[in-house]
Each structure stands twice: as C-alpha cells, then as structure tokens.
C-alpha atoms as a PDB file:
ATOM      1  CA  MET A   1      -2.033  11.071 -25.396  1.00  0.00           C
ATOM      2  CA  ASN A   2       0.621   8.334 -24.191  1.00  0.00           C
ATOM      3  CA  ASN A   3       2.627   8.329 -21.706  1.00  0.00           C
ATOM      4  CA  LYS A   4       5.224   6.009 -19.728  1.00  0.00           C
ATOM      5  CA  VAL A   5       5.765   5.770 -15.612  1.00  0.00           C
ATOM      6  CA  SER A   6       9.003   4.162 -14.793  1.00  0.00           C
ATOM      7  CA  ILE A   7       8.887   2.981 -11.332  1.00  0.00           C
ATOM      8  CA  LEU A   8      12.163   2.731  -9.365  1.00  0.00           C
ATOM      9  CA  ILE A   9      12.436  -0.133  -6.855  1.00  0.00           C
ATOM     10  CA  THR A  10      15.185   0.215  -4.415  1.00  0.00           C
ATOM     11  CA  SER A  11      16.103  -3.206  -2.971  1.00  0.00           C
ATOM     12  CA  TYR A  12      18.495  -4.288  -0.028  1.00  0.00           C
ATOM     13  CA  LYS A  13      18.248  -8.321   0.833  1.00  0.00           C
ATOM     14  CA  ARG A  14      14.956  -8.145   0.447  1.00  0.00           C
ATOM     15  CA  LEU A  15      13.587 -10.177  -2.284  1.00  0.00           C
ATOM     16  CA  ASP A  16       9.662 -11.094  -0.604  1.00  0.00           C
ATOM     17  CA  TYR A  17       9.572  -7.051  -0.897  1.00  0.00           C
ATOM     18  CA  ILE A  18       9.989  -7.189  -5.009  1.00  0.00           C
ATOM     19  CA  LYS A  19       8.135 -10.489  -5.063  1.00  0.00           C
ATOM     20  CA  ASN A  20       5.369  -9.047  -3.418  1.00  0.00           C
ATOM     21  CA  LEU A  21       5.696  -5.322  -4.956  1.00  0.00           C
ATOM     22  CA  LEU A  22       6.231  -6.356  -8.762  1.00  0.00           C
ATOM     23  CA  GLU A  23       3.155  -8.906  -8.265  1.00  0.00           C
ATOM     24  CA  SER A  24       1.091  -5.989  -7.253  1.00  0.00           C
ATOM     25  CA  ILE A  25       2.100  -3.528  -9.902  1.00  0.00           C
ATOM     26  CA  GLN A  26       1.494  -6.150 -12.584  1.00  0.00           C
ATOM     27  CA  LYS A  27      -2.276  -6.552 -10.954  1.00  0.00           C
ATOM     28  CA  ASN A  28      -2.820  -3.011 -10.672  1.00  0.00           C
ATOM     29  CA  THR A  29      -1.455  -1.495 -14.230  1.00  0.00           C
ATOM     30  CA  LYS A  30      -3.474  -3.398 -16.679  1.00  0.00           C
ATOM     31  CA  ASP A  31      -3.737  -0.027 -18.456  1.00  0.00           C
ATOM     32  CA  ILE A  32      -1.107   1.691 -17.522  1.00  0.00           C
ATOM     33  CA  GLU A  33       2.215   1.683 -20.176  1.00  0.00           C
ATOM     34  CA  TYR A  34       5.424   0.926 -17.136  1.00  0.00           C
ATOM     35  CA  GLU A  35       8.993   0.141 -16.869  1.00  0.00           C
ATOM     36  CA  ILE A  36      10.592  -1.285 -12.934  1.00  0.00           C
ATOM     37  CA  ILE A  37      13.359  -0.138 -12.526  1.00  0.00           C
ATOM     38  CA  VAL A  38      15.081  -2.489  -9.835  1.00  0.00           C
ATOM     39  CA  ILE A  39      18.024  -0.686  -7.965  1.00  0.00           C
ATOM     40  CA  ASN A  40      19.909  -3.474  -5.832  1.00  0.00           C
ATOM     41  CA  SER A  41      22.419  -2.226  -3.613  1.00  0.00           C
ATOM     42  CA  LEU A  42      24.042  -5.207  -2.411  1.00  0.00           C
ATOM     43  CA  PRO A  43      26.459  -6.909  -4.655  1.00  0.00           C
ATOM     44  CA  ASN A  44      26.228 -10.513  -3.368  1.00  0.00           C
ATOM     45  CA  PHE A  45      22.607 -10.350  -3.953  1.00  0.00           C
ATOM     46  CA  ASN A  46      22.338 -10.057  -7.366  1.00  0.00           C
ATOM     47  CA  VAL A  47      22.467 -13.342  -8.201  1.00  0.00           C
ATOM     48  CA  GLU A  48      19.486 -13.950  -6.327  1.00  0.00           C
ATOM     49  CA  LEU A  49      18.045 -11.154  -7.540  1.00  0.00           C
ATOM     50  CA  ASP A  50      18.573 -12.044 -11.503  1.00  0.00           C
ATOM     51  CA  MET A  51      17.248 -15.186 -10.905  1.00  0.00           C
ATOM     52  CA  PHE A  52      13.927 -14.332  -9.874  1.00  0.00           C
ATOM     53  CA  LEU A  53      13.901 -11.460 -12.480  1.00  0.00           C
ATOM     54  CA  LYS A  54      14.385 -13.763 -15.626  1.00  0.00           C
ATOM     55  CA  GLN A  55      11.610 -15.294 -14.192  1.00  0.00           C
ATOM     56  CA  GLN A  56       9.381 -12.975 -14.894  1.00  0.00           C
ATOM     57  CA  GLN A  57       9.835 -12.699 -18.178  1.00  0.00           C
ATOM     58  CA  SER A  58       8.926  -8.790 -18.597  1.00  0.00           C
ATOM     59  CA  LYS A  59      10.626  -6.575 -20.736  1.00  0.00           C
ATOM     60  CA  LYS A  60       9.766  -4.497 -18.579  1.00  0.00           C
ATOM     61  CA  ILE A  61      11.615  -4.912 -15.840  1.00  0.00           C
ATOM     62  CA  ILE A  62      15.832  -3.026 -15.827  1.00  0.00           C
ATOM     63  CA  LYS A  63      17.728  -4.011 -13.132  1.00  0.00           C
ATOM     64  CA  LEU A  64      20.566  -1.654 -11.988  1.00  0.00           C
ATOM     65  CA  TYR A  65      23.165  -2.737  -9.241  1.00  0.00           C
ATOM     66  CA  ASN A  66      24.715  -0.197  -7.236  1.00  0.00           C
ATOM     67  CA  ASP A  67      28.668  -1.395  -6.536  1.00  0.00           C
ATOM     68  CA  ASN A  68      29.053   0.453  -3.152  1.00  0.00           C
ATOM     69  CA  LYS A  69      32.416  -0.414  -1.998  1.00  0.00           C
END
C-alpha cells in the first residue's frame, strides 16, 4: 500500500516559520511519500516566498495564493 500525504501550510508574513517547517518536514519524512501545499494569503509577500521555494528545488512543493481583495 502506497499512500501519499498532503501537508497544507498557511502563511501570512512568516517566512521564518515556513523555512523551519519545511526543514523539519524534510528531515522527518524520509520514508513517507508527500506533497507540500503552501497557501499564501498576502499577495505582496509572494516574491520573497517564491524566491525561497525556488531555492528548495523540490518537486514536492505546490504554491497557492489567495487573492483576498
């Protein structure tokens, strides 16, 4: 049986938390197939978050943005 886990991360101006969380996920999920979905609720924060997520070079990370206007 091969299950995949989806990990949802919500974000609001806390790149430091996202960095720590992703590091912990990668460290502690060696034998688990997973995807990470990052939901950002602040449009102006997208550039900084995008730059960080691109550095991760992980195909397991999906980015979603919430345009609350």
